[in-house]
Amino acid sequence: MSGLDPRIRAYFGADEHPLASWRLLHAVDQAWVSRIAMAGSDDPGVLSYDDLRKLGGDARRRCLRAFEDWYKAWPYVRTAQVRAVEEHLAHLPEPQPEADDNLLDVPVITGPPGTGKTTLLKRAAVRALCTAAWDRRLDGSTRQRRGELVSPDWRPVIFHSADGNPHVKTFFAHLCDELSVPATKDPQVAFQKAALRHGVQYVFIDEVQMINFDGQYGMYLHNALKALQNMNLRIVLAGHNVRHLLVDRKTVAQNATQTQSIARWAFQDLERYGHDTKAEISEWRALLRGLEAHVRLAGHERGETVFSEQFEEHLWVSTLGYVNALAALVTGACLAATRTPGQRITAEIIDAVRLNERVARDRHRRLEGWRAHRFRWATDALPTP
């Protein structure tokens, strides 16, 4: 690209020459950053129901697909709890494998499913990539003086989502795949060597709850992660209910493992948004304001407070404050409204959108209670399993 898209440029912070830093990233990393930072289509604008009907079949389908892509990629809203985690990650010292001897703490982003952990983790990885490129540009003259004769692909950040209950070999084989290096007979050793050769500084691991740390293989993998940490790679974990991984184990060896992790794992919590105190309501409305700026419907003025005022209580009662349920609800509501003559979001449209079972269970009863002014915000609205 001749210039840097503003959505990517934002991840370089105060970098005075972001395009030069961007060009230092491997093409694979550039593509990944672009996919995260530029998710969704270009702004489709507003197209009334009548104008949509006048289009031919192909043109109408193109427009509807553009709206689908646009609404699926809701803006990343930095509420207070999101900013707190981001600031914690941003203020951590730059990892320097082979240069530092001090062990690095392991940030662990945890919380219930559906609270936005994966979304935050991916953007934290993007920011780490962009910051690493900035630092590499600043260190350029130093690197030249070191007389590097061979320049392997520079890959400072690895992002991996755990799948199933991996063994050590399969886990490290996946990490080798991320670097496009052969796993060999010992994938852990292969990755450790490749990580130093390719300049890996960060390893982000999502869905860490998939790893059964109670079992034998999980304990081995836990120890393998510590080996990476001992190399002064920055390990960043995310998953739900991660604290239970550090409870007492069945064996002395497992307890020794978790004792060391307690001293290194630094938890950062993401919770569902509450709706009881003034502070909680303010945060919820801030989230909704960020989303409603994305609405492209002829029946609503640009900037109209359709979510943050007209339907803010309705949306919370429907979703219980879970970010993933809210995203599904507003996406479905906007797409449904696009196909109506008035192109306005209504209570009927909101109630017709299907949601995941956790919030769908008892949803009708909750809405009835809310409409009858019997809903108690201070109580946990989740039904008893």
Protein backbone atom coordinates (compact mmCIF):
# COMPACT_ATOMS: atom_id res chain seq x y z
CA MET A 1 0.00 0.00 0.00
CA SER A 2 1.28 3.49 -0.83
CA GLY A 3 0.08 4.85 2.51
CA LEU A 4 -1.00 3.23 5.74
CA ASP A 5 -4.70 2.80 6.38
CA PRO A 6 -5.72 4.85 9.45
CA ARG A 7 -7.13 1.72 11.09
CA ILE A 8 -3.67 0.13 10.96
CA ARG A 9 -1.87 3.40 11.66
CA ALA A 10 -3.67 3.63 15.02
CA TYR A 11 -1.84 0.53 16.30
CA PHE A 12 1.55 2.20 15.84
CA GLY A 13 0.80 4.83 18.48
CA ALA A 14 3.30 7.70 18.46
CA ASP A 15 5.60 6.07 15.87
CA GLU A 16 6.82 8.98 13.71
CA HIS A 17 7.43 6.76 10.67
CA PRO A 18 4.78 4.03 10.86
CA LEU A 19 4.98 3.11 7.19
CA ALA A 20 8.71 2.39 7.48
CA SER A 21 8.03 0.26 10.56
CA TRP A 22 5.16 -1.51 8.80
CA ARG A 23 7.46 -2.53 5.94
CA LEU A 24 9.68 -4.40 8.39
CA LEU A 25 6.88 -6.86 9.17
CA HIS A 26 6.70 -10.18 7.33
CA ALA A 27 3.96 -10.42 4.69
CA VAL A 28 2.17 -13.04 6.79
CA ASP A 29 2.08 -10.69 9.77
CA GLN A 30 1.01 -7.76 7.60
CA ALA A 31 -1.92 -9.82 6.30
CA TRP A 32 -2.91 -10.84 9.82
CA VAL A 33 -2.75 -7.27 11.13
CA SER A 34 -4.84 -6.08 8.18
CA ARG A 35 -7.46 -8.75 8.79
CA ILE A 36 -7.85 -7.75 12.44
CA ALA A 37 -7.55 -3.98 12.10
CA MET A 38 -9.61 -3.68 8.92
CA ALA A 39 -12.28 -6.28 9.67
CA GLY A 40 -15.46 -5.86 7.67
CA SER A 41 -16.12 -4.07 4.42
CA ASP A 42 -15.79 -0.40 3.64
CA ASP A 43 -18.60 1.77 4.95
CA PRO A 44 -21.66 0.85 2.82
CA GLY A 45 -23.44 4.09 3.65
CA VAL A 46 -27.22 4.31 3.92
CA LEU A 47 -29.53 2.74 1.33
CA SER A 48 -33.26 3.09 1.87
CA TYR A 49 -35.65 0.17 1.54
CA ASP A 50 -37.14 1.64 -1.66
CA ASP A 51 -33.72 2.17 -3.23
CA LEU A 52 -32.75 -1.37 -2.28
CA ARG A 53 -35.87 -2.78 -3.94
CA LYS A 54 -35.16 -0.90 -7.18
CA LEU A 55 -31.84 -2.68 -7.64
CA GLY A 56 -31.46 -5.77 -9.77
CA GLY A 57 -30.90 -9.12 -8.11
CA ASP A 58 -27.10 -9.08 -8.36
CA ALA A 59 -26.73 -5.46 -7.24
CA ARG A 60 -29.13 -5.99 -4.33
CA ARG A 61 -27.21 -9.05 -3.20
CA ARG A 62 -23.92 -7.13 -3.36
CA CYS A 63 -25.40 -4.40 -1.19
CA LEU A 64 -26.83 -6.84 1.33
CA ARG A 65 -23.50 -8.66 1.56
CA ALA A 66 -21.75 -5.34 2.17
CA PHE A 67 -24.16 -4.61 5.02
CA GLU A 68 -23.63 -8.10 6.43
CA ASP A 69 -19.84 -7.65 6.42
CA TRP A 70 -20.19 -4.18 7.92
CA TYR A 71 -22.43 -5.25 10.79
CA LYS A 72 -20.48 -8.42 11.55
CA ALA A 73 -17.40 -6.27 12.22
CA TRP A 74 -18.67 -4.13 15.09
CA PRO A 75 -16.17 -1.50 16.27
CA TYR A 76 -13.80 -2.42 19.06
CA VAL A 77 -15.07 -0.33 21.98
CA ARG A 78 -12.54 0.46 24.69
CA THR A 79 -14.60 0.58 27.87
CA ALA A 80 -12.95 0.99 31.29
CA GLN A 81 -12.34 -2.72 31.89
CA VAL A 82 -10.92 -3.17 28.38
CA ARG A 83 -8.63 -0.16 28.78
CA ALA A 84 -7.40 -1.47 32.15
CA VAL A 85 -6.24 -4.74 30.58
CA GLU A 86 -4.75 -3.00 27.54
CA GLU A 87 -2.82 -0.56 29.72
CA HIS A 88 -1.46 -3.40 31.83
CA LEU A 89 -0.17 -5.16 28.70
CA ALA A 90 1.14 -1.95 27.15
CA HIS A 91 3.18 -1.05 30.24
CA LEU A 92 5.00 -4.38 30.43
CA PRO A 93 8.72 -4.19 29.60
CA GLU A 94 9.80 -5.18 26.10
CA PRO A 95 10.82 -8.86 26.09
CA GLN A 96 14.41 -9.40 24.97
CA PRO A 97 15.21 -13.11 24.66
CA GLU A 98 18.92 -13.93 25.07
CA ALA A 99 19.51 -10.41 26.43
CA ASP A 100 17.67 -10.33 29.77
CA ASP A 101 18.03 -12.67 32.72
CA ASN A 102 15.00 -11.51 34.70
CA LEU A 103 11.97 -13.76 34.31
CA LEU A 104 8.84 -12.15 32.90
CA ASP A 105 5.42 -12.48 34.47
CA VAL A 106 2.70 -14.17 32.43
CA PRO A 107 -0.40 -12.01 31.90
CA VAL A 108 -3.55 -14.15 31.99
CA ILE A 109 -6.77 -12.65 30.61
CA THR A 110 -9.64 -14.57 32.14
CA GLY A 111 -13.36 -14.32 32.84
CA PRO A 112 -16.61 -16.02 31.81
CA PRO A 113 -17.14 -17.07 28.18
CA GLY A 114 -18.53 -14.33 25.98
CA THR A 115 -16.86 -11.36 27.67
CA GLY A 116 -14.55 -10.38 24.80
CA LYS A 117 -11.27 -12.07 25.78
CA THR A 118 -10.38 -13.33 22.30
CA THR A 119 -11.19 -9.98 20.69
CA LEU A 120 -8.97 -8.18 23.17
CA LEU A 121 -6.16 -10.75 22.90
CA LYS A 122 -6.01 -10.48 19.10
CA ARG A 123 -5.77 -6.71 19.25
CA ALA A 124 -3.13 -6.92 21.95
CA ALA A 125 -1.14 -9.19 19.63
CA VAL A 126 -1.55 -6.70 16.77
CA ARG A 127 -0.32 -3.88 18.98
CA ALA A 128 2.65 -6.00 20.10
CA LEU A 129 3.53 -6.64 16.44
CA CYS A 130 3.37 -2.97 15.55
CA THR A 131 5.37 -1.94 18.62
CA ALA A 132 8.00 -4.59 17.86
CA ALA A 133 8.30 -3.23 14.30
CA TRP A 134 8.68 0.29 15.67
CA ASP A 135 11.45 -0.87 18.02
CA ARG A 136 13.18 -2.77 15.21
CA ARG A 137 13.19 0.35 13.04
CA LEU A 138 14.71 2.35 15.90
CA ASP A 139 17.37 -0.35 16.40
CA GLY A 140 18.17 -0.61 12.70
CA SER A 141 21.64 0.91 12.84
CA THR A 142 22.53 -1.21 15.87
CA ARG A 143 21.48 -4.38 14.09
CA GLN A 144 23.65 -3.51 11.09
CA ARG A 145 26.70 -3.05 13.32
CA ARG A 146 26.13 -6.51 14.77
CA GLY A 147 27.06 -7.88 11.35
CA GLU A 148 24.14 -10.23 10.79
CA LEU A 149 25.13 -12.35 7.78
CA VAL A 150 21.94 -14.39 7.57
CA SER A 151 18.56 -12.73 7.93
CA PRO A 152 15.79 -15.28 8.52
CA ASP A 153 12.19 -14.10 8.41
CA TRP A 154 11.57 -11.85 11.39
CA ARG A 155 8.45 -13.03 13.26
CA PRO A 156 8.26 -11.30 16.66
CA VAL A 157 4.72 -12.38 17.60
CA ILE A 158 3.04 -15.79 17.53
CA PHE A 159 -0.72 -16.14 18.08
CA HIS A 160 -2.12 -19.60 18.70
CA SER A 161 -5.56 -20.82 19.75
CA ALA A 162 -5.40 -24.08 21.73
CA ASP A 163 -7.40 -26.90 20.18
CA GLY A 164 -8.73 -29.77 22.25
CA ASN A 165 -6.38 -31.12 24.93
CA PRO A 166 -3.02 -30.96 23.16
CA HIS A 167 0.05 -32.99 24.00
CA VAL A 168 3.39 -31.21 24.21
CA LYS A 169 4.43 -32.45 20.76
CA THR A 170 1.23 -31.44 19.00
CA PHE A 171 1.19 -28.06 20.73
CA PHE A 172 4.73 -27.19 19.71
CA ALA A 173 4.20 -28.64 16.25
CA HIS A 174 1.43 -26.05 15.83
CA LEU A 175 3.79 -23.29 16.98
CA CYS A 176 6.37 -24.51 14.46
CA ASP A 177 3.68 -24.29 11.78
CA GLU A 178 3.12 -20.65 12.71
CA LEU A 179 6.77 -20.00 11.83
CA SER A 180 6.71 -22.33 8.79
CA VAL A 181 9.57 -24.39 10.22
CA PRO A 182 9.74 -28.22 10.41
CA ALA A 183 8.74 -29.67 13.77
CA THR A 184 11.31 -32.53 13.59
CA LYS A 185 11.17 -35.39 16.08
CA ASP A 186 11.24 -32.99 19.02
CA PRO A 187 8.89 -30.08 18.21
CA GLN A 188 9.60 -28.29 21.49
CA VAL A 189 13.32 -28.06 20.82
CA ALA A 190 12.63 -27.19 17.18
CA PHE A 191 10.39 -24.30 18.19
CA GLN A 192 12.74 -23.01 20.87
CA LYS A 193 15.59 -22.85 18.35
CA ALA A 194 13.34 -21.33 15.69
CA ALA A 195 11.99 -18.75 18.13
CA LEU A 196 15.48 -17.39 18.75
CA ARG A 197 16.39 -17.56 15.07
CA HIS A 198 13.26 -15.71 13.94
CA GLY A 199 13.25 -13.11 16.70
CA VAL A 200 10.10 -14.26 18.51
CA GLN A 201 9.35 -12.04 21.49
CA TYR A 202 5.69 -12.79 22.27
CA VAL A 203 3.61 -15.96 22.27
CA PHE A 204 -0.13 -15.32 22.66
CA ILE A 205 -2.16 -18.44 23.53
CA ASP A 206 -5.96 -18.28 23.45
CA GLU A 207 -8.46 -20.83 24.80
CA VAL A 208 -5.95 -22.03 27.38
CA GLN A 209 -8.78 -23.72 29.29
CA MET A 210 -8.60 -26.44 26.60
CA ILE A 211 -5.42 -27.70 28.23
CA ASN A 212 -6.12 -30.29 30.92
CA PHE A 213 -3.53 -29.25 33.48
CA ASP A 214 -4.90 -31.90 35.85
CA GLY A 215 -3.69 -34.66 33.56
CA GLN A 216 -0.21 -35.95 32.89
CA TYR A 217 0.08 -34.36 29.45
CA GLY A 218 -1.27 -31.07 30.74
CA MET A 219 1.39 -30.98 33.44
CA TYR A 220 4.11 -31.58 30.84
CA LEU A 221 2.71 -28.80 28.66
CA HIS A 222 2.51 -26.49 31.67
CA ASN A 223 6.21 -27.13 32.29
CA ALA A 224 6.96 -26.57 28.60
CA LEU A 225 5.30 -23.16 28.75
CA LYS A 226 7.52 -22.33 31.71
CA ALA A 227 10.52 -23.31 29.59
CA LEU A 228 9.50 -20.70 27.03
CA GLN A 229 9.11 -18.17 29.81
CA ASN A 230 12.59 -19.04 31.03
CA MET A 231 13.84 -18.03 27.55
CA ASN A 232 12.39 -14.58 28.33
CA LEU A 233 9.67 -14.86 25.74
CA ARG A 234 6.58 -12.95 26.83
CA ILE A 235 3.80 -15.53 27.20
CA VAL A 236 0.27 -14.08 27.24
CA LEU A 237 -2.60 -16.46 28.04
CA ALA A 238 -6.36 -16.10 27.71
CA GLY A 239 -9.23 -18.40 28.57
CA HIS A 240 -12.24 -18.74 30.80
CA ASN A 241 -12.12 -20.07 34.36
CA VAL A 242 -8.33 -20.15 34.28
CA ARG A 243 -7.97 -19.68 38.03
CA HIS A 244 -9.16 -23.23 38.63
CA LEU A 245 -5.93 -24.41 36.94
CA LEU A 246 -4.02 -23.23 40.00
CA VAL A 247 -5.92 -25.14 42.68
CA ASP A 248 -4.32 -27.99 44.60
CA ARG A 249 -3.43 -30.98 42.43
CA LYS A 250 -3.33 -34.70 43.00
CA THR A 251 0.44 -35.18 43.02
CA VAL A 252 3.47 -33.47 44.53
CA ALA A 253 4.86 -32.78 41.05
CA GLN A 254 1.64 -31.13 39.92
CA ASN A 255 1.50 -29.02 43.08
CA ALA A 256 5.09 -27.91 42.50
CA THR A 257 4.10 -26.85 39.00
CA GLN A 258 1.10 -24.81 40.11
CA THR A 259 3.08 -23.24 42.98
CA GLN A 260 5.58 -21.83 40.49
CA SER A 261 2.76 -20.57 38.28
CA ILE A 262 1.09 -18.76 41.16
CA ALA A 263 4.29 -16.75 41.48
CA ARG A 264 4.30 -15.83 37.77
CA TRP A 265 0.74 -15.67 36.43
CA ALA A 266 -0.80 -12.18 36.66
CA PHE A 267 -4.57 -12.31 36.18
CA GLN A 268 -6.55 -9.66 34.32
CA ASP A 269 -10.32 -10.13 34.50
CA LEU A 270 -13.00 -9.35 31.94
CA GLU A 271 -16.55 -9.59 33.24
CA ARG A 272 -19.99 -9.24 31.75
CA TYR A 273 -21.27 -5.68 32.02
CA GLY A 274 -23.44 -4.99 35.05
CA HIS A 275 -26.51 -2.77 35.25
CA ASP A 276 -27.01 -1.97 38.92
CA THR A 277 -24.76 0.91 39.97
CA LYS A 278 -24.35 4.25 38.22
CA ALA A 279 -20.81 3.29 37.22
CA GLU A 280 -22.00 0.02 35.67
CA ILE A 281 -24.79 1.72 33.74
CA SER A 282 -22.35 4.36 32.51
CA GLU A 283 -20.00 1.67 31.20
CA TRP A 284 -22.85 -0.19 29.51
CA ARG A 285 -24.02 2.97 27.80
CA ALA A 286 -20.48 3.78 26.69
CA LEU A 287 -20.33 0.37 25.03
CA LEU A 288 -23.68 0.94 23.31
CA ARG A 289 -22.65 4.40 22.11
CA GLY A 290 -19.65 2.87 20.43
CA LEU A 291 -21.90 0.38 18.63
CA GLU A 292 -24.66 2.76 17.56
CA ALA A 293 -22.16 4.90 15.64
CA HIS A 294 -21.95 1.89 13.31
CA VAL A 295 -25.68 1.88 12.43
CA ARG A 296 -26.47 2.52 8.74
CA LEU A 297 -30.28 2.64 8.53
CA ALA A 298 -32.39 5.23 6.70
CA GLY A 299 -34.87 5.28 9.59
CA HIS A 300 -32.26 6.49 12.09
CA GLU A 301 -30.26 9.70 12.00
CA ARG A 302 -26.48 9.36 12.12
CA GLY A 303 -25.50 9.43 15.79
CA GLU A 304 -29.04 8.78 17.04
CA THR A 305 -28.96 7.20 20.51
CA VAL A 306 -30.93 4.17 19.41
CA PHE A 307 -28.98 1.71 21.60
CA SER A 308 -27.62 3.82 24.46
CA GLU A 309 -30.96 5.44 25.35
CA GLN A 310 -33.95 4.04 23.47
CA PHE A 311 -33.15 0.35 24.01
CA GLU A 312 -30.32 0.24 26.55
CA GLU A 313 -32.31 -1.52 29.29
CA HIS A 314 -34.01 -3.78 26.75
CA LEU A 315 -30.63 -4.85 25.36
CA TRP A 316 -29.20 -5.58 28.80
CA VAL A 317 -32.17 -7.67 29.92
CA SER A 318 -31.92 -9.60 26.64
CA THR A 319 -28.17 -10.23 26.81
CA LEU A 320 -27.37 -10.05 30.55
CA GLY A 321 -24.43 -7.82 29.66
CA TYR A 322 -22.46 -10.43 27.70
CA VAL A 323 -20.52 -8.86 24.83
CA ASN A 324 -20.86 -11.80 22.45
CA ALA A 325 -24.64 -11.93 22.92
CA LEU A 326 -24.88 -8.16 22.45
CA ALA A 327 -22.90 -8.33 19.20
CA ALA A 328 -25.17 -11.09 17.90
CA LEU A 329 -28.28 -9.17 18.91
CA VAL A 330 -27.40 -5.81 17.38
CA THR A 331 -26.10 -7.49 14.20
CA GLY A 332 -29.32 -9.43 13.78
CA ALA A 333 -31.48 -6.41 14.60
CA CYS A 334 -29.71 -4.12 12.12
CA LEU A 335 -29.81 -6.67 9.30
CA ALA A 336 -33.49 -7.37 9.96
CA ALA A 337 -34.30 -3.64 10.01
CA THR A 338 -32.50 -3.18 6.68
CA ARG A 339 -35.18 -5.34 5.06
CA THR A 340 -38.14 -3.37 6.48
CA PRO A 341 -39.80 -0.34 4.81
CA GLY A 342 -39.09 2.01 7.71
CA GLN A 343 -35.56 0.72 8.40
CA ARG A 344 -36.00 1.35 12.11
CA ILE A 345 -34.98 -0.89 14.98
CA THR A 346 -38.00 -1.83 17.08
CA ALA A 347 -38.65 -3.86 20.20
CA GLU A 348 -40.29 -6.53 18.04
CA ILE A 349 -37.20 -6.82 15.86
CA ILE A 350 -34.93 -7.07 18.90
CA ASP A 351 -37.07 -9.77 20.51
CA ALA A 352 -37.15 -11.81 17.29
CA VAL A 353 -33.35 -12.23 17.13
CA ARG A 354 -32.23 -15.67 18.34
CA LEU A 355 -29.43 -15.73 20.90
CA ASN A 356 -27.18 -18.34 22.49
CA GLU A 357 -28.74 -20.65 25.05
CA ARG A 358 -27.10 -19.06 28.08
CA VAL A 359 -29.00 -15.79 27.60
CA ALA A 360 -31.95 -17.20 25.64
CA ARG A 361 -32.94 -19.36 28.59
CA ASP A 362 -35.55 -17.41 30.58
CA ARG A 363 -35.20 -14.43 28.23
CA HIS A 364 -38.97 -14.14 27.67
CA ARG A 365 -39.66 -14.23 31.42
CA ARG A 366 -36.98 -11.61 32.12
CA LEU A 367 -38.43 -9.28 29.49
CA GLU A 368 -41.92 -9.73 30.88
CA GLY A 369 -40.70 -8.87 34.37
CA TRP A 370 -38.82 -5.83 33.08
CA ARG A 371 -41.82 -4.53 31.15
CA ALA A 372 -43.94 -4.98 34.29
CA HIS A 373 -41.31 -3.02 36.30
CA ARG A 374 -40.58 -6.07 38.47
CA PHE A 375 -37.05 -6.71 37.23
CA ARG A 376 -34.43 -6.46 40.00
CA TRP A 377 -31.14 -5.19 38.58
CA ALA A 378 -29.17 -6.00 41.72
CA THR A 379 -29.79 -9.75 41.46
CA ASP A 380 -27.91 -12.15 39.23
CA ALA A 381 -30.33 -12.71 36.36
CA LEU A 382 -28.70 -15.95 35.30
CA PRO A 383 -31.01 -18.95 35.83
CA THR A 384 -29.91 -21.74 38.12
CA PRO A 385 -28.55 -24.64 36.03
